[in-house]
């Protein structure tokens, strides 16, 4: 088993690959998460995320706890979320609104053979030329992935947060996912290959198909 390092939190954004699909987590109201979000970020600034490679931050807080907290990366192709007017493409004057990710953070805790991660996401929604609705629903997905020659998804969850738009058409949003749970990397694996991938997932907003009933004979 590799030694693990404790990392309480770090900010990051980077390029990656598109997110996979999975089950839903309960909706999260972004504007009600201020305290938890500040505890992760240590403030409420809304600076753009730097598109750099994943990095870990700072020295370990307590190397005796045996915990590894992977870095966070934004999936390429999932860093923005644009919605168009009905029947239109999300380009130019047909865009109703666009959301972007500006900042991320994470914190991990060890409980037996499992790691529970808190993932903080901060972003901004900007109204487009076609006019944004009064409320906007933002679909997000978070995945724990083991990188390497062949990527392996360890855990993945979808989240939603609702944003109230303002008259000036530019509103920050935040989401803190506190229920990402995954197994401790097994012996023989490299915990340094683990990474948290985040991004927008509009496909998760689609309603689930209705189950077909059994045909009567």
Protein backbone atom coordinates (compact mmCIF):
# COMPACT_ATOMS: atom_id res chain seq x y z
CA UNK A 1 0.00 0.00 0.00
CA UNK A 2 1.41 3.39 -0.96
CA UNK A 3 1.77 6.05 1.70
CA UNK A 4 -0.91 8.68 1.38
CA UNK A 5 -0.53 12.42 1.91
CA UNK A 6 -3.07 14.66 3.58
CA UNK A 7 -4.27 17.58 1.54
CA UNK A 8 -7.05 19.63 3.08
CA UNK A 9 -7.94 21.71 0.05
CA UNK A 10 -6.62 23.21 -3.15
CA UNK A 11 -7.92 25.27 -6.06
CA UNK A 12 -7.61 24.02 -9.61
CA UNK A 13 -9.02 23.88 -13.10
CA UNK A 14 -7.62 22.08 -16.14
CA UNK A 15 -8.43 20.35 -19.41
CA UNK A 16 -9.61 16.71 -19.47
CA UNK A 17 -12.12 14.46 -21.28
CA UNK A 18 -15.97 14.49 -21.41
CA UNK A 19 -17.85 13.21 -18.33
CA UNK A 20 -19.61 9.88 -18.21
CA UNK A 21 -23.20 9.32 -17.17
CA UNK A 22 -24.44 7.94 -13.82
CA UNK A 23 -27.19 8.25 -11.20
CA UNK A 24 -28.57 11.43 -9.71
CA UNK A 25 -27.79 13.03 -6.37
CA UNK A 26 -30.36 15.30 -4.65
CA UNK A 27 -30.55 18.89 -6.01
CA UNK A 28 -28.31 21.44 -4.29
CA UNK A 29 -29.34 25.08 -3.81
CA UNK A 30 -26.20 27.07 -4.60
CA UNK A 31 -27.13 30.27 -2.78
CA UNK A 32 -27.67 28.35 0.51
CA UNK A 33 -24.14 26.85 0.56
CA UNK A 34 -22.20 30.00 1.42
CA UNK A 35 -20.77 28.82 4.74
CA UNK A 36 -19.70 25.39 3.49
CA UNK A 37 -18.27 26.87 0.32
CA UNK A 38 -16.23 29.45 2.25
CA UNK A 39 -14.88 26.68 4.48
CA UNK A 40 -13.43 25.03 1.39
CA UNK A 41 -12.21 28.13 -0.42
CA UNK A 42 -11.40 30.32 2.56
CA UNK A 43 -13.32 33.19 0.96
CA UNK A 44 -15.86 34.05 -1.71
CA UNK A 45 -13.72 35.48 -4.53
CA UNK A 46 -14.83 34.73 -8.08
CA UNK A 47 -11.60 34.78 -10.07
CA UNK A 48 -11.34 32.87 -13.37
CA UNK A 49 -9.87 29.41 -13.17
CA UNK A 50 -6.45 29.02 -14.75
CA UNK A 51 -6.33 26.40 -17.49
CA UNK A 52 -3.24 24.56 -16.28
CA UNK A 53 -2.29 20.99 -15.54
CA UNK A 54 -3.55 19.47 -12.26
CA UNK A 55 -1.40 20.33 -9.26
CA UNK A 56 -1.48 19.58 -5.58
CA UNK A 57 -1.11 22.40 -3.09
CA UNK A 58 0.89 22.94 0.05
CA UNK A 59 2.65 20.59 2.46
CA UNK A 60 0.67 17.80 4.16
CA UNK A 61 -1.19 18.88 7.28
CA UNK A 62 -0.70 15.62 9.15
CA UNK A 63 1.19 12.82 7.41
CA UNK A 64 0.08 10.28 10.03
CA UNK A 65 -3.54 10.21 8.92
CA UNK A 66 -2.78 8.14 5.80
CA UNK A 67 -5.09 9.99 3.42
CA UNK A 68 -4.75 11.01 -0.21
CA UNK A 69 -6.93 13.75 -1.75
CA UNK A 70 -6.66 13.75 -5.56
CA UNK A 71 -6.34 16.98 -7.55
CA UNK A 72 -9.33 18.46 -9.42
CA UNK A 73 -9.51 18.92 -13.18
CA UNK A 74 -12.19 20.32 -15.49
CA UNK A 75 -13.11 17.99 -18.34
CA UNK A 76 -12.42 19.40 -21.79
CA UNK A 77 -15.69 20.00 -23.57
CA UNK A 78 -17.46 20.35 -20.22
CA UNK A 79 -16.05 23.65 -18.96
CA UNK A 80 -18.95 25.78 -20.28
CA UNK A 81 -22.70 25.28 -20.49
CA UNK A 82 -24.64 27.31 -23.06
CA UNK A 83 -28.41 27.15 -23.59
CA UNK A 84 -30.15 28.45 -26.71
CA UNK A 85 -33.65 29.68 -27.48
CA UNK A 86 -36.07 26.83 -28.37
CA UNK A 87 -35.20 25.27 -31.72
CA UNK A 88 -31.97 27.25 -32.04
CA UNK A 89 -28.25 26.53 -31.68
CA UNK A 90 -26.39 28.01 -28.70
CA UNK A 91 -24.39 30.50 -30.75
CA UNK A 92 -24.46 34.27 -31.25
CA UNK A 93 -27.78 36.03 -30.67
CA UNK A 94 -29.60 32.74 -30.02
CA UNK A 95 -27.84 32.10 -26.69
CA UNK A 96 -30.12 32.54 -23.66
CA UNK A 97 -27.39 32.09 -21.05
CA UNK A 98 -23.94 30.59 -20.56
CA UNK A 99 -22.37 29.18 -17.40
CA UNK A 100 -18.65 28.76 -16.75
CA UNK A 101 -16.55 27.28 -13.93
CA UNK A 102 -14.21 29.76 -12.28
CA UNK A 103 -12.83 28.02 -9.19
CA UNK A 104 -12.65 24.59 -7.55
CA UNK A 105 -11.57 23.11 -4.22
CA UNK A 106 -11.61 19.77 -2.46
CA UNK A 107 -11.26 18.22 0.98
CA UNK A 108 -11.02 14.52 1.86
CA UNK A 109 -11.59 12.44 4.98
CA UNK A 110 -10.80 8.79 5.64
CA UNK A 111 -13.35 6.42 7.20
CA UNK A 112 -12.21 2.82 7.36
CA UNK A 113 -11.67 1.61 3.82
CA UNK A 114 -13.45 4.54 2.18
CA UNK A 115 -12.61 8.14 1.33
CA UNK A 116 -15.32 10.79 1.51
CA UNK A 117 -14.62 13.89 -0.56
CA UNK A 118 -16.14 17.37 -0.45
CA UNK A 119 -15.86 19.04 -3.85
CA UNK A 120 -16.49 22.79 -4.16
CA UNK A 121 -17.34 24.36 -7.51
CA UNK A 122 -17.69 28.08 -8.11
CA UNK A 123 -18.79 29.65 -11.38
CA UNK A 124 -20.77 32.36 -13.12
CA UNK A 125 -23.90 32.51 -15.27
CA UNK A 126 -24.13 35.27 -17.89
CA UNK A 127 -27.32 36.12 -19.78
CA UNK A 128 -27.18 35.94 -23.58
CA UNK A 129 -28.69 38.06 -26.32
CA UNK A 130 -31.83 35.90 -26.46
CA UNK A 131 -32.61 36.69 -22.81
CA UNK A 132 -32.17 34.40 -19.83
CA UNK A 133 -35.07 33.08 -17.73
CA UNK A 134 -35.54 34.29 -14.15
CA UNK A 135 -34.13 31.02 -12.79
CA UNK A 136 -31.46 28.82 -14.35
CA UNK A 137 -30.79 25.17 -13.58
CA UNK A 138 -27.13 24.18 -13.77
CA UNK A 139 -26.27 20.48 -14.28
CA UNK A 140 -22.89 19.32 -12.96
CA UNK A 141 -21.10 16.00 -12.78
CA UNK A 142 -18.22 14.91 -10.57
CA UNK A 143 -16.22 11.75 -11.16
CA UNK A 144 -13.36 10.00 -9.40
CA UNK A 145 -11.12 8.53 -12.10
CA UNK A 146 -8.00 6.40 -11.97
CA UNK A 147 -5.81 7.60 -14.82
CA UNK A 148 -3.09 5.73 -16.63
CA UNK A 149 -2.94 3.70 -19.83
CA UNK A 150 -6.67 3.02 -19.58
CA UNK A 151 -8.85 5.37 -17.55
CA UNK A 152 -11.08 3.73 -14.97
CA UNK A 153 -14.09 5.49 -13.44
CA UNK A 154 -14.16 4.73 -9.71
CA UNK A 155 -17.26 6.77 -8.82
CA UNK A 156 -19.43 9.39 -10.50
CA UNK A 157 -22.46 11.49 -9.52
CA UNK A 158 -24.60 14.17 -11.13
CA UNK A 159 -25.78 17.29 -9.32
CA UNK A 160 -28.09 20.21 -10.01
CA UNK A 161 -28.09 23.70 -8.61
CA UNK A 162 -30.63 26.46 -9.29
CA UNK A 163 -29.50 30.05 -9.83
CA UNK A 164 -31.67 33.15 -9.56
CA UNK A 165 -30.73 35.53 -12.37
CA UNK A 166 -30.17 39.23 -11.66
CA UNK A 167 -31.11 42.29 -13.71
CA UNK A 168 -27.52 42.87 -14.80
CA UNK A 169 -27.46 39.38 -16.30
CA UNK A 170 -24.32 38.15 -14.51
CA UNK A 171 -24.67 35.96 -11.41
CA UNK A 172 -22.14 33.82 -9.52
CA UNK A 173 -23.10 30.31 -8.47
CA UNK A 174 -21.58 27.72 -6.15
CA UNK A 175 -22.07 24.07 -5.35
CA UNK A 176 -20.53 21.88 -2.67
CA UNK A 177 -20.85 18.13 -3.14
CA UNK A 178 -20.29 16.46 0.22
CA UNK A 179 -21.13 12.87 -0.63
CA UNK A 180 -18.50 11.62 -3.07
CA UNK A 181 -17.46 8.30 -1.50
CA UNK A 182 -15.02 5.86 -3.05
CA UNK A 183 -12.78 2.99 -1.87
CA UNK A 184 -9.23 3.57 -0.72
CA UNK A 185 -6.89 2.72 -3.65
CA UNK A 186 -6.11 -1.00 -3.40
CA UNK A 187 -2.59 -2.45 -3.05
CA UNK A 188 -0.73 -2.35 -6.34
CA UNK A 189 -2.49 0.79 -7.59
CA UNK A 190 -0.94 4.24 -7.68
CA UNK A 191 -2.97 6.80 -5.69
CA UNK A 192 -1.15 9.58 -7.53
CA UNK A 193 -3.09 8.53 -10.66
CA UNK A 194 -6.42 9.36 -9.05
CA UNK A 195 -8.14 12.60 -10.07
CA UNK A 196 -11.47 14.37 -9.54
CA UNK A 197 -13.01 15.32 -12.89
CA UNK A 198 -15.75 17.95 -12.86
CA UNK A 199 -17.83 19.65 -15.55
CA UNK A 200 -21.26 20.54 -16.85
CA UNK A 201 -23.45 17.59 -17.84
CA UNK A 202 -26.56 18.76 -19.78
CA UNK A 203 -27.48 15.17 -20.65
CA UNK A 204 -28.27 14.54 -17.00
CA UNK A 205 -31.16 17.02 -17.22
CA UNK A 206 -33.02 14.78 -19.66
CA UNK A 207 -35.92 12.90 -18.05
CA UNK A 208 -35.40 9.19 -17.53
CA UNK A 209 -37.26 6.99 -20.03
CA UNK A 210 -40.50 5.51 -18.77
CA UNK A 211 -40.40 1.80 -18.08
CA UNK A 212 -42.53 -0.27 -20.40
CA UNK A 213 -45.26 -2.29 -18.79
CA UNK A 214 -45.66 -5.96 -19.47
CA UNK A 215 -47.90 -6.81 -22.39
CA UNK A 216 -51.06 -8.64 -21.60
CA UNK A 217 -51.49 -12.02 -23.20
